[in-house]
Amino acid sequence: MAQQRHVTIADQRAVTPRMRWLTLAAPELARSVRAGQYLLVRCAEDGSYDPLLRRPLFVAAAEPALGQVGLLYAPSERGLAWLARGRPGDTLDIIGPLGHPFAIAARTRNLLLIGQGPGLAALLLLARTAAARDCAVTLLVGAGADDDLPPPFLLPAAVEYQSVVGPAISLLGERKTENSKLKTQNSKLSSPLHPIAWADQVFAALPDDQITRLYETIHAVKYRWERGFASVLREGPIVCGVGACGVCAVALRRGSRLLCSDGPVFDLRDVVGNG
């Protein structure tokens, strides 16, 4: 259940020149959060309302035994730059967990994850969750630069992790293009089977233009697929977290929905396609 919490920073460190990993001591949150859910973090000094709006951050790790959750973010604007100055022992004001999460089906044994952008952090938690259930997990990641790629040590060793400087969706086609650089860690998929055909479910966190390409790729490999086979975390502004302001409304096939409360995870066929 979403609620306001005051949590303590357990650790904070740079994991690339552009990205930081923030560990919070939050036992109840570590037990309840699910992959695809987010926190609204107040990024201002006590008594200050500058900046006014909380920053949404997707949970990238949850360790119930330690009572901790992890957040991966780039301090690319002044609110998150303030957060990057936090030190162990500091207290943060957060609201969460919020949002509709990913759902791994009980029958799933092979899971394909594709991510780029802020929602990618949610796929790190999803990969951890699925690996703990003995699923075979492949994570395909794209970014505009090396420093925006999460390092492999943030993932369980059993997860196959492939990254590219370029669009993540390109990893489902050619393994290397003229303008992209491919890196592969823990690669174990040697089968000629297309990754889409191999997967029991496909989960993605991508910019809108790549979501359309993902739908087209799945449609080219699978003539039909059931609901729940492919889900996507949509990008967009998240402000209030409870559906009150309407800023995050998006048009889907079945009508308008709110990213903050109805999403941010939706079935791919509701985002793109005809049914």
Protein backbone atom coordinates (compact mmCIF):
# COMPACT_ATOMS: atom_id res chain seq x y z
CA MET A 1 0.00 0.00 0.00
CA ALA A 2 1.30 3.45 -0.92
CA GLN A 3 2.09 5.68 2.02
CA GLN A 4 4.35 8.50 3.01
CA ARG A 5 7.52 7.26 4.67
CA HIS A 6 10.64 8.77 6.14
CA VAL A 7 13.54 6.48 5.31
CA THR A 8 17.26 6.59 5.95
CA ILE A 9 19.99 6.55 3.34
CA ALA A 10 22.12 3.44 3.97
CA ASP A 11 24.58 4.06 1.15
CA GLN A 12 25.05 6.10 -2.01
CA ARG A 13 27.74 5.72 -4.64
CA ALA A 14 28.56 6.32 -8.28
CA VAL A 15 28.30 3.17 -10.42
CA THR A 16 29.26 4.96 -13.67
CA PRO A 17 30.43 8.55 -14.25
CA ARG A 18 26.76 9.50 -14.88
CA MET A 19 24.72 7.10 -12.73
CA ARG A 20 24.31 6.67 -9.00
CA TRP A 21 23.06 3.82 -6.82
CA LEU A 22 21.08 4.85 -3.74
CA THR A 23 20.38 2.30 -1.00
CA LEU A 24 17.57 3.04 1.43
CA ALA A 25 16.87 1.36 4.76
CA ALA A 26 13.15 0.64 4.33
CA PRO A 27 12.11 -2.80 5.65
CA GLU A 28 8.36 -2.52 4.94
CA LEU A 29 8.99 -1.16 1.46
CA ALA A 30 11.51 -3.93 0.70
CA ARG A 31 8.82 -6.52 1.49
CA SER A 32 5.99 -4.90 -0.47
CA VAL A 33 7.45 -3.28 -3.60
CA ARG A 34 7.09 -5.00 -6.99
CA ALA A 35 9.00 -4.52 -10.24
CA GLY A 36 7.55 -1.63 -12.23
CA GLN A 37 6.48 0.34 -9.17
CA TYR A 38 8.04 3.67 -8.27
CA LEU A 39 8.64 6.07 -5.40
CA LEU A 40 7.94 9.79 -5.31
CA VAL A 41 10.98 11.30 -3.61
CA ARG A 42 11.01 14.78 -2.10
CA CYS A 43 14.21 16.43 -3.30
CA ALA A 44 14.43 19.58 -1.15
CA GLU A 45 15.74 20.65 2.23
CA ASP A 46 13.43 20.60 5.25
CA GLY A 47 11.29 23.71 5.22
CA SER A 48 11.94 24.36 1.53
CA TYR A 49 9.60 23.72 -1.41
CA ASP A 50 12.17 24.38 -4.10
CA PRO A 51 11.91 22.27 -6.15
CA LEU A 52 8.24 21.77 -5.41
CA LEU A 53 7.50 18.52 -7.20
CA ARG A 54 8.64 15.11 -6.02
CA ARG A 55 10.80 13.06 -8.40
CA PRO A 56 9.55 9.62 -9.53
CA LEU A 57 12.20 6.89 -9.30
CA PHE A 58 11.67 3.22 -10.16
CA VAL A 59 12.86 0.69 -7.60
CA ALA A 60 15.82 -1.26 -9.01
CA ALA A 61 16.41 -3.70 -6.14
CA ALA A 62 14.65 -4.99 -3.03
CA GLU A 63 16.31 -7.07 -0.32
CA PRO A 64 13.69 -8.02 2.31
CA ALA A 65 16.25 -9.93 4.39
CA LEU A 66 18.35 -6.74 4.70
CA GLY A 67 15.38 -4.38 4.84
CA GLN A 68 16.77 -2.33 1.95
CA VAL A 69 15.76 -1.10 -1.50
CA GLY A 70 18.00 0.24 -4.26
CA LEU A 71 17.42 3.09 -6.71
CA LEU A 72 19.41 3.69 -9.90
CA TYR A 73 19.29 7.21 -11.31
CA ALA A 74 21.19 9.88 -13.20
CA PRO A 75 21.35 13.29 -11.43
CA SER A 76 20.54 15.07 -14.68
CA GLU A 77 18.45 17.92 -13.24
CA ARG A 78 18.53 20.01 -10.08
CA GLY A 79 16.14 17.89 -7.99
CA LEU A 80 18.10 14.70 -8.56
CA ALA A 81 21.36 16.64 -8.23
CA TRP A 82 20.20 17.53 -4.71
CA LEU A 83 19.45 13.85 -4.06
CA ALA A 84 22.94 12.90 -5.24
CA ARG A 85 24.40 14.94 -2.37
CA GLY A 86 22.67 12.75 0.23
CA ARG A 87 24.90 10.85 2.61
CA PRO A 88 24.43 7.74 4.79
CA GLY A 89 22.29 8.62 7.78
CA ASP A 90 20.34 11.36 5.98
CA THR A 91 16.55 11.04 5.97
CA LEU A 92 14.41 11.16 2.83
CA ASP A 93 10.68 11.83 2.54
CA ILE A 94 9.15 9.39 0.04
CA ILE A 95 5.72 8.19 -1.05
CA GLY A 96 5.30 4.66 -2.35
CA PRO A 97 5.23 2.10 -3.65
CA LEU A 98 3.04 3.44 -6.43
CA GLY A 99 1.88 2.17 -9.80
CA HIS A 100 0.80 -1.00 -11.53
CA PRO A 101 3.71 -3.49 -11.68
CA PHE A 102 4.86 -6.15 -14.13
CA ALA A 103 3.32 -9.60 -13.62
CA ILE A 104 5.36 -12.75 -14.21
CA ALA A 105 3.05 -15.67 -15.05
CA ALA A 106 3.38 -18.82 -12.96
CA ARG A 107 4.21 -20.86 -16.07
CA THR A 108 7.00 -18.53 -17.27
CA ARG A 109 10.45 -20.11 -17.46
CA ASN A 110 12.12 -17.94 -20.14
CA LEU A 111 11.91 -14.17 -19.72
CA LEU A 112 13.08 -11.52 -22.19
CA LEU A 113 13.59 -7.95 -20.89
CA ILE A 114 14.32 -4.94 -23.11
CA GLY A 115 15.07 -1.52 -21.65
CA GLN A 116 16.29 2.01 -22.27
CA GLY A 117 15.70 5.21 -20.35
CA PRO A 118 14.48 5.91 -16.79
CA GLY A 119 12.21 2.85 -16.65
CA LEU A 120 15.18 0.55 -17.16
CA ALA A 121 15.74 0.52 -13.38
CA ALA A 122 12.47 -1.41 -12.99
CA LEU A 123 13.83 -4.17 -15.23
CA LEU A 124 16.79 -4.67 -12.90
CA LEU A 125 14.39 -5.54 -10.08
CA LEU A 126 12.36 -7.70 -12.46
CA ALA A 127 15.50 -9.60 -13.50
CA ARG A 128 16.38 -10.23 -9.85
CA THR A 129 12.84 -11.41 -9.08
CA ALA A 130 12.68 -13.77 -12.06
CA ALA A 131 16.17 -15.19 -11.48
CA ALA A 132 15.19 -16.00 -7.90
CA ARG A 133 12.32 -18.06 -9.35
CA ASP A 134 14.80 -20.02 -11.50
CA CYS A 135 13.66 -18.37 -14.72
CA ALA A 136 16.14 -18.02 -17.59
CA VAL A 137 16.44 -14.23 -17.96
CA THR A 138 17.91 -12.20 -20.81
CA LEU A 139 18.17 -8.42 -20.42
CA LEU A 140 18.79 -6.27 -23.52
CA VAL A 141 19.78 -2.67 -22.76
CA GLY A 142 20.40 0.37 -24.94
CA ALA A 143 21.72 3.84 -24.12
CA GLY A 144 23.09 6.93 -25.78
CA ALA A 145 26.54 6.49 -24.22
CA ASP A 146 28.61 3.94 -22.31
CA ASP A 147 28.19 5.88 -19.07
CA ASP A 148 24.40 5.48 -19.26
CA LEU A 149 24.58 1.66 -19.29
CA PRO A 150 24.06 -0.04 -15.92
CA PRO A 151 27.12 -2.09 -14.97
CA PRO A 152 26.68 -5.90 -14.98
CA PHE A 153 27.52 -6.21 -11.28
CA LEU A 154 24.07 -4.81 -10.46
CA LEU A 155 22.52 -8.05 -11.76
CA PRO A 156 22.62 -11.68 -10.61
CA ALA A 157 25.32 -13.68 -12.40
CA ALA A 158 22.68 -15.98 -13.91
CA VAL A 159 21.12 -13.14 -15.95
CA GLU A 160 22.30 -12.85 -19.54
CA TYR A 161 23.02 -9.16 -20.07
CA GLN A 162 23.57 -7.62 -23.50
CA SER A 163 24.01 -3.88 -23.97
CA VAL A 164 24.44 -1.57 -26.92
CA VAL A 165 25.26 2.09 -27.44
CA GLY A 166 22.22 2.75 -29.57
CA PRO A 167 18.55 1.69 -29.51
CA ALA A 168 17.87 -1.32 -27.28
CA ILE A 169 15.40 -2.67 -29.82
CA SER A 170 18.27 -3.10 -32.31
CA LEU A 171 19.46 -6.06 -30.21
CA LEU A 172 16.44 -8.01 -31.44
CA GLY A 173 17.62 -7.62 -35.02
CA GLU A 174 21.21 -7.22 -36.10
CA ARG A 175 23.61 -7.84 -33.27
CA LYS A 176 25.80 -4.93 -34.37
CA THR A 177 25.21 -1.94 -36.64
CA GLU A 178 27.60 0.59 -38.12
CA ASN A 179 26.69 3.24 -35.56
CA SER A 180 26.33 1.05 -32.50
CA LYS A 181 28.66 -0.77 -30.15
CA LEU A 182 27.57 -4.07 -28.62
CA LYS A 183 28.66 -5.50 -25.29
CA THR A 184 27.68 -8.93 -24.02
CA GLN A 185 28.07 -10.34 -20.52
CA ASN A 186 27.21 -13.87 -19.36
CA SER A 187 25.91 -14.79 -22.83
CA LYS A 188 24.35 -18.24 -22.94
CA LEU A 189 21.78 -17.97 -25.77
CA SER A 190 23.42 -19.91 -28.60
CA SER A 191 20.19 -21.23 -30.10
CA PRO A 192 19.24 -20.03 -33.61
CA LEU A 193 15.73 -19.47 -32.24
CA HIS A 194 14.70 -15.80 -32.29
CA PRO A 195 14.61 -14.35 -28.74
CA ILE A 196 10.90 -13.54 -29.13
CA ALA A 197 10.12 -17.16 -30.05
CA TRP A 198 12.25 -18.36 -27.12
CA ALA A 199 10.51 -16.17 -24.53
CA ASP A 200 7.47 -17.12 -22.49
CA GLN A 201 6.98 -13.42 -21.73
CA VAL A 202 8.50 -10.16 -22.96
CA PHE A 203 8.71 -7.13 -20.68
CA ALA A 204 10.01 -3.75 -21.84
CA ALA A 205 10.72 -0.21 -20.66
CA LEU A 206 11.31 1.84 -23.80
CA PRO A 207 10.76 5.23 -25.47
CA ASP A 208 7.59 5.37 -27.55
CA ASP A 209 9.31 4.97 -30.93
CA GLN A 210 10.94 1.72 -29.80
CA ILE A 211 7.65 0.41 -28.38
CA THR A 212 6.17 0.49 -31.87
CA ARG A 213 9.19 -1.36 -33.24
CA LEU A 214 8.88 -3.96 -30.47
CA TYR A 215 5.26 -4.62 -31.44
CA GLU A 216 6.23 -4.98 -35.09
CA THR A 217 9.06 -7.38 -34.21
CA ILE A 218 6.80 -9.58 -32.07
CA HIS A 219 4.14 -9.55 -34.80
CA ALA A 220 6.73 -10.67 -37.35
CA VAL A 221 7.78 -13.63 -35.19
CA LYS A 222 4.42 -14.63 -33.63
CA TYR A 223 1.24 -14.52 -35.69
CA ARG A 224 -0.82 -14.42 -32.48
CA TRP A 225 -0.04 -14.03 -28.81
CA GLU A 226 -2.18 -13.99 -25.70
CA ARG A 227 -2.69 -11.03 -23.41
CA GLY A 228 0.04 -10.90 -20.81
CA PHE A 229 2.72 -12.17 -23.19
CA ALA A 230 4.17 -8.68 -23.75
CA SER A 231 3.97 -5.75 -21.33
CA VAL A 232 5.61 -2.36 -21.52
CA LEU A 233 6.42 0.40 -19.05
CA ARG A 234 5.47 3.70 -20.71
CA GLU A 235 7.57 6.83 -20.36
CA GLY A 236 5.94 10.13 -19.43
CA PRO A 237 5.49 12.71 -16.68
CA ILE A 238 4.45 11.40 -13.27
CA VAL A 239 3.49 14.14 -10.82
CA CYS A 240 0.89 13.30 -8.16
CA GLY A 241 1.05 9.49 -8.15
CA VAL A 242 -2.67 9.05 -7.38
CA GLY A 243 -4.44 10.14 -10.57
CA ALA A 244 -5.60 13.49 -9.21
CA CYS A 245 -3.88 15.96 -11.54
CA GLY A 246 -4.33 14.17 -14.89
CA VAL A 247 -0.98 15.37 -16.23
CA CYS A 248 0.12 11.82 -17.08
CA ALA A 249 -2.92 10.83 -19.16
CA VAL A 250 -2.06 8.76 -22.23
CA ALA A 251 -4.26 7.55 -25.08
CA LEU A 252 -4.41 3.76 -25.32
CA ARG A 253 -6.41 1.49 -27.61
CA ARG A 254 -9.14 1.11 -24.98
CA GLY A 255 -9.27 4.79 -24.04
CA SER A 256 -7.35 7.26 -21.94
CA ARG A 257 -5.38 5.95 -18.94
CA LEU A 258 -3.13 7.49 -16.28
CA LEU A 259 0.52 6.49 -16.13
CA CYS A 260 0.78 7.13 -12.39
CA SER A 261 -2.07 4.89 -11.22
CA ASP A 262 -3.39 2.77 -14.13
CA GLY A 263 0.20 2.19 -15.27
CA PRO A 264 2.99 2.75 -15.84
CA VAL A 265 2.94 -0.90 -17.01
CA PHE A 266 0.40 -1.80 -19.72
CA ASP A 267 -0.19 -4.75 -22.01
CA LEU A 268 1.64 -4.03 -25.27
CA ARG A 269 -1.49 -4.65 -27.35
CA ASP A 270 -3.26 -1.85 -25.48
CA VAL A 271 -0.43 0.55 -26.34
CA VAL A 272 0.08 -0.45 -30.00
CA GLY A 273 -1.99 -2.65 -32.27
CA ASN A 274 -5.56 -3.67 -32.90
CA GLY A 275 -6.40 -6.29 -30.30
